[in-house]
Amino acid sequence: MSSYQQLVPAAAPARRRAYPSDLTDLQWSVLEPLLRARDPRGPGRPATVDLREVVNALLYIKQAGCPWRYLPHDLPPRSTVHYYFAQWTADGTLAEVLRHLRERVRRATGRTAHPTARALDSQTAIPTWC
């Protein structure tokens, strides 16, 4: 005879202690729509990784200046973080995020979204004899 066992939902995983490089809730609220909009909806298994943690791992690597293999164990695996970094670089997501953030900062300071002047350094100009 079988007995009735009440199913209890698992408790939410405990949040890890934050690193100084982690995103704040406000920062994530700005980035999340930009990253979710680029998330592919094609065939295959749906993603289960927390994109905020992927971004936190990328920021940790950037701030600490450490190699991929030194990524702490409480962040997503380095292969996962590197996969998203490569995808976002290849499909233009990172460039789009930077463009959006630059325009947002310019508007917040009362400037036009796009710069109207440019500077050209003579060291970067291509010589005519090339």
C-alpha atoms as a PDB file:
ATOM      1  CA  MET A   1       0.000   0.000   0.000  1.00  0.00           C
ATOM      2  CA  SER A   2       1.325   3.389  -0.928  1.00  0.00           C
ATOM      3  CA  SER A   3       1.346   6.245   1.470  1.00  0.00           C
ATOM      4  CA  TYR A   4       0.606   9.879   0.767  1.00  0.00           C
ATOM      5  CA  GLN A   5       3.617  12.129   0.868  1.00  0.00           C
ATOM      6  CA  GLN A   6       3.110  15.864   0.679  1.00  0.00           C
ATOM      7  CA  LEU A   7       5.383  17.514  -1.863  1.00  0.00           C
ATOM      8  CA  VAL A   8       7.136  20.511  -0.445  1.00  0.00           C
ATOM      9  CA  PRO A   9       8.736  22.948  -2.870  1.00  0.00           C
ATOM     10  CA  ALA A  10      12.480  23.230  -2.487  1.00  0.00           C
ATOM     11  CA  ALA A  11      13.720  26.338  -0.800  1.00  0.00           C
ATOM     12  CA  ALA A  12      15.233  28.968  -3.033  1.00  0.00           C
ATOM     13  CA  PRO A  13      19.007  28.637  -3.224  1.00  0.00           C
ATOM     14  CA  ALA A  14      20.807  30.862  -0.778  1.00  0.00           C
ATOM     15  CA  ARG A  15      22.297  33.921  -2.429  1.00  0.00           C
ATOM     16  CA  ARG A  16      26.070  34.018  -2.280  1.00  0.00           C
ATOM     17  CA  ARG A  17      27.966  36.858  -0.644  1.00  0.00           C
ATOM     18  CA  ALA A  18      28.416  39.707  -3.097  1.00  0.00           C
ATOM     19  CA  TYR A  19      31.750  40.679  -4.613  1.00  0.00           C
ATOM     20  CA  PRO A  20      32.556  44.390  -4.922  1.00  0.00           C
ATOM     21  CA  SER A  21      32.271  44.034  -8.707  1.00  0.00           C
ATOM     22  CA  ASP A  22      28.705  42.609  -8.620  1.00  0.00           C
ATOM     23  CA  LEU A  23      25.842  44.473 -10.243  1.00  0.00           C
ATOM     24  CA  THR A  24      23.385  46.326  -8.051  1.00  0.00           C
ATOM     25  CA  ASP A  25      19.660  45.680  -8.520  1.00  0.00           C
ATOM     26  CA  LEU A  26      19.307  49.024 -10.309  1.00  0.00           C
ATOM     27  CA  GLN A  27      22.183  48.265 -12.682  1.00  0.00           C
ATOM     28  CA  TRP A  28      20.722  44.830 -13.452  1.00  0.00           C
ATOM     29  CA  SER A  29      17.295  46.351 -14.143  1.00  0.00           C
ATOM     30  CA  VAL A  30      18.933  48.436 -16.897  1.00  0.00           C
ATOM     31  CA  LEU A  31      20.945  45.551 -18.394  1.00  0.00           C
ATOM     32  CA  GLU A  32      18.424  42.716 -18.146  1.00  0.00           C
ATOM     33  CA  PRO A  33      16.105  43.817 -20.983  1.00  0.00           C
ATOM     34  CA  LEU A  34      19.090  44.310 -23.286  1.00  0.00           C
ATOM     35  CA  LEU A  35      20.413  40.823 -22.626  1.00  0.00           C
ATOM     36  CA  ARG A  36      17.029  39.103 -22.642  1.00  0.00           C
ATOM     37  CA  ALA A  37      16.069  40.741 -25.944  1.00  0.00           C
ATOM     38  CA  ARG A  38      19.105  39.101 -27.572  1.00  0.00           C
ATOM     39  CA  ASP A  39      18.436  35.691 -26.000  1.00  0.00           C
ATOM     40  CA  PRO A  40      17.830  33.215 -28.879  1.00  0.00           C
ATOM     41  CA  ARG A  41      14.430  31.527 -28.906  1.00  0.00           C
ATOM     42  CA  GLY A  42      15.292  28.888 -31.475  1.00  0.00           C
ATOM     43  CA  PRO A  43      15.338  25.140 -31.119  1.00  0.00           C
ATOM     44  CA  GLY A  44      17.229  23.459 -28.348  1.00  0.00           C
ATOM     45  CA  ARG A  45      17.137  23.282 -24.623  1.00  0.00           C
ATOM     46  CA  PRO A  46      16.163  26.503 -22.839  1.00  0.00           C
ATOM     47  CA  ALA A  47      18.930  28.232 -20.930  1.00  0.00           C
ATOM     48  CA  THR A  48      19.019  27.552 -17.202  1.00  0.00           C
ATOM     49  CA  VAL A  49      21.905  29.821 -16.251  1.00  0.00           C
ATOM     50  CA  ASP A  50      21.266  33.095 -14.422  1.00  0.00           C
ATOM     51  CA  LEU A  51      22.454  35.824 -16.817  1.00  0.00           C
ATOM     52  CA  ARG A  52      23.024  38.218 -13.926  1.00  0.00           C
ATOM     53  CA  GLU A  53      25.585  35.789 -12.509  1.00  0.00           C
ATOM     54  CA  VAL A  54      27.248  35.518 -15.924  1.00  0.00           C
ATOM     55  CA  VAL A  55      27.582  39.311 -16.055  1.00  0.00           C
ATOM     56  CA  ASN A  56      28.839  39.320 -12.450  1.00  0.00           C
ATOM     57  CA  ALA A  57      31.494  36.762 -13.435  1.00  0.00           C
ATOM     58  CA  LEU A  58      32.569  38.868 -16.423  1.00  0.00           C
ATOM     59  CA  LEU A  59      32.814  41.935 -14.178  1.00  0.00           C
ATOM     60  CA  TYR A  60      34.828  39.933 -11.625  1.00  0.00           C
ATOM     61  CA  ILE A  61      37.320  38.882 -14.319  1.00  0.00           C
ATOM     62  CA  LYS A  62      37.540  42.467 -15.567  1.00  0.00           C
ATOM     63  CA  GLN A  63      38.045  44.016 -12.126  1.00  0.00           C
ATOM     64  CA  ALA A  64      40.349  41.336 -10.702  1.00  0.00           C
ATOM     65  CA  GLY A  65      42.326  40.970 -13.920  1.00  0.00           C
ATOM     66  CA  CYS A  66      42.433  37.236 -13.378  1.00  0.00           C
ATOM     67  CA  PRO A  67      42.520  34.431 -15.966  1.00  0.00           C
ATOM     68  CA  TRP A  68      39.337  32.513 -16.770  1.00  0.00           C
ATOM     69  CA  ARG A  69      40.531  29.483 -14.782  1.00  0.00           C
ATOM     70  CA  TYR A  70      40.739  31.586 -11.587  1.00  0.00           C
ATOM     71  CA  LEU A  71      37.031  32.372 -11.584  1.00  0.00           C
ATOM     72  CA  PRO A  72      35.653  31.644  -8.076  1.00  0.00           C
ATOM     73  CA  HIS A  73      33.617  28.475  -7.595  1.00  0.00           C
ATOM     74  CA  ASP A  74      30.496  30.312  -6.445  1.00  0.00           C
ATOM     75  CA  LEU A  75      30.107  31.941  -9.874  1.00  0.00           C
ATOM     76  CA  PRO A  76      28.985  30.014 -12.974  1.00  0.00           C
ATOM     77  CA  PRO A  77      31.568  27.671 -14.547  1.00  0.00           C
ATOM     78  CA  ARG A  78      34.188  29.383 -16.664  1.00  0.00           C
ATOM     79  CA  SER A  79      33.070  27.477 -19.780  1.00  0.00           C
ATOM     80  CA  THR A  80      29.544  28.878 -19.375  1.00  0.00           C
ATOM     81  CA  VAL A  81      30.776  32.423 -18.772  1.00  0.00           C
ATOM     82  CA  HIS A  82      33.151  32.206 -21.745  1.00  0.00           C
ATOM     83  CA  TYR A  83      30.363  30.818 -23.962  1.00  0.00           C
ATOM     84  CA  TYR A  84      28.115  33.823 -23.233  1.00  0.00           C
ATOM     85  CA  PHE A  85      31.022  36.257 -23.617  1.00  0.00           C
ATOM     86  CA  ALA A  86      31.875  34.790 -27.040  1.00  0.00           C
ATOM     87  CA  GLN A  87      28.202  34.757 -28.117  1.00  0.00           C
ATOM     88  CA  TRP A  88      27.540  38.322 -26.996  1.00  0.00           C
ATOM     89  CA  THR A  89      30.741  39.520 -28.673  1.00  0.00           C
ATOM     90  CA  ALA A  90      30.021  37.705 -31.954  1.00  0.00           C
ATOM     91  CA  ASP A  91      26.368  38.735 -32.297  1.00  0.00           C
ATOM     92  CA  GLY A  92      26.949  42.368 -31.281  1.00  0.00           C
ATOM     93  CA  THR A  93      25.128  42.228 -27.951  1.00  0.00           C
ATOM     94  CA  LEU A  94      28.046  43.728 -26.004  1.00  0.00           C
ATOM     95  CA  ALA A  95      28.460  46.538 -28.536  1.00  0.00           C
ATOM     96  CA  GLU A  96      24.714  47.237 -28.356  1.00  0.00           C
ATOM     97  CA  VAL A  97      24.782  47.295 -24.528  1.00  0.00           C
ATOM     98  CA  LEU A  98      27.720  49.732 -24.544  1.00  0.00           C
ATOM     99  CA  ARG A  99      25.976  51.952 -27.117  1.00  0.00           C
ATOM    100  CA  HIS A 100      22.789  51.992 -25.028  1.00  0.00           C
ATOM    101  CA  LEU A 101      24.675  52.816 -21.813  1.00  0.00           C
ATOM    102  CA  ARG A 102      26.732  55.555 -23.508  1.00  0.00           C
ATOM    103  CA  GLU A 103      23.579  57.193 -24.892  1.00  0.00           C
ATOM    104  CA  ARG A 104      21.869  56.903 -21.505  1.00  0.00           C
ATOM    105  CA  VAL A 105      24.773  58.639 -19.744  1.00  0.00           C
ATOM    106  CA  ARG A 106      24.933  61.380 -22.387  1.00  0.00           C
ATOM    107  CA  ARG A 107      21.187  62.084 -22.043  1.00  0.00           C
ATOM    108  CA  ALA A 108      21.451  62.117 -18.237  1.00  0.00           C
ATOM    109  CA  THR A 109      24.117  64.828 -18.457  1.00  0.00           C
ATOM    110  CA  GLY A 110      21.998  66.956 -20.804  1.00  0.00           C
ATOM    111  CA  ARG A 111      23.922  66.155 -23.974  1.00  0.00           C
ATOM    112  CA  THR A 112      22.699  64.734 -27.257  1.00  0.00           C
ATOM    113  CA  ALA A 113      22.609  60.940 -27.490  1.00  0.00           C
ATOM    114  CA  HIS A 114      25.216  60.910 -30.253  1.00  0.00           C
ATOM    115  CA  PRO A 115      28.444  62.937 -30.166  1.00  0.00           C
ATOM    116  CA  THR A 116      28.697  65.703 -32.752  1.00  0.00           C
ATOM    117  CA  ALA A 117      32.501  66.053 -32.762  1.00  0.00           C
ATOM    118  CA  ARG A 118      35.304  63.571 -33.234  1.00  0.00           C
ATOM    119  CA  ALA A 119      39.021  63.648 -32.621  1.00  0.00           C
ATOM    120  CA  LEU A 120      41.611  62.038 -34.869  1.00  0.00           C
ATOM    121  CA  ASP A 121      45.044  61.291 -33.514  1.00  0.00           C
ATOM    122  CA  SER A 122      47.798  61.562 -36.112  1.00  0.00           C
ATOM    123  CA  GLN A 123      49.371  58.364 -34.775  1.00  0.00           C
ATOM    124  CA  THR A 124      46.289  56.382 -35.790  1.00  0.00           C
ATOM    125  CA  ALA A 125      45.950  57.857 -39.292  1.00  0.00           C
ATOM    126  CA  ILE A 126      46.947  55.559 -42.133  1.00  0.00           C
ATOM    127  CA  PRO A 127      49.783  57.024 -44.215  1.00  0.00           C
ATOM    128  CA  THR A 128      49.050  57.689 -47.869  1.00  0.00           C
ATOM    129  CA  TRP A 129      51.980  55.548 -49.045  1.00  0.00           C
ATOM    130  CA  CYS A 130      50.407  52.329 -47.650  1.00  0.00           C
END
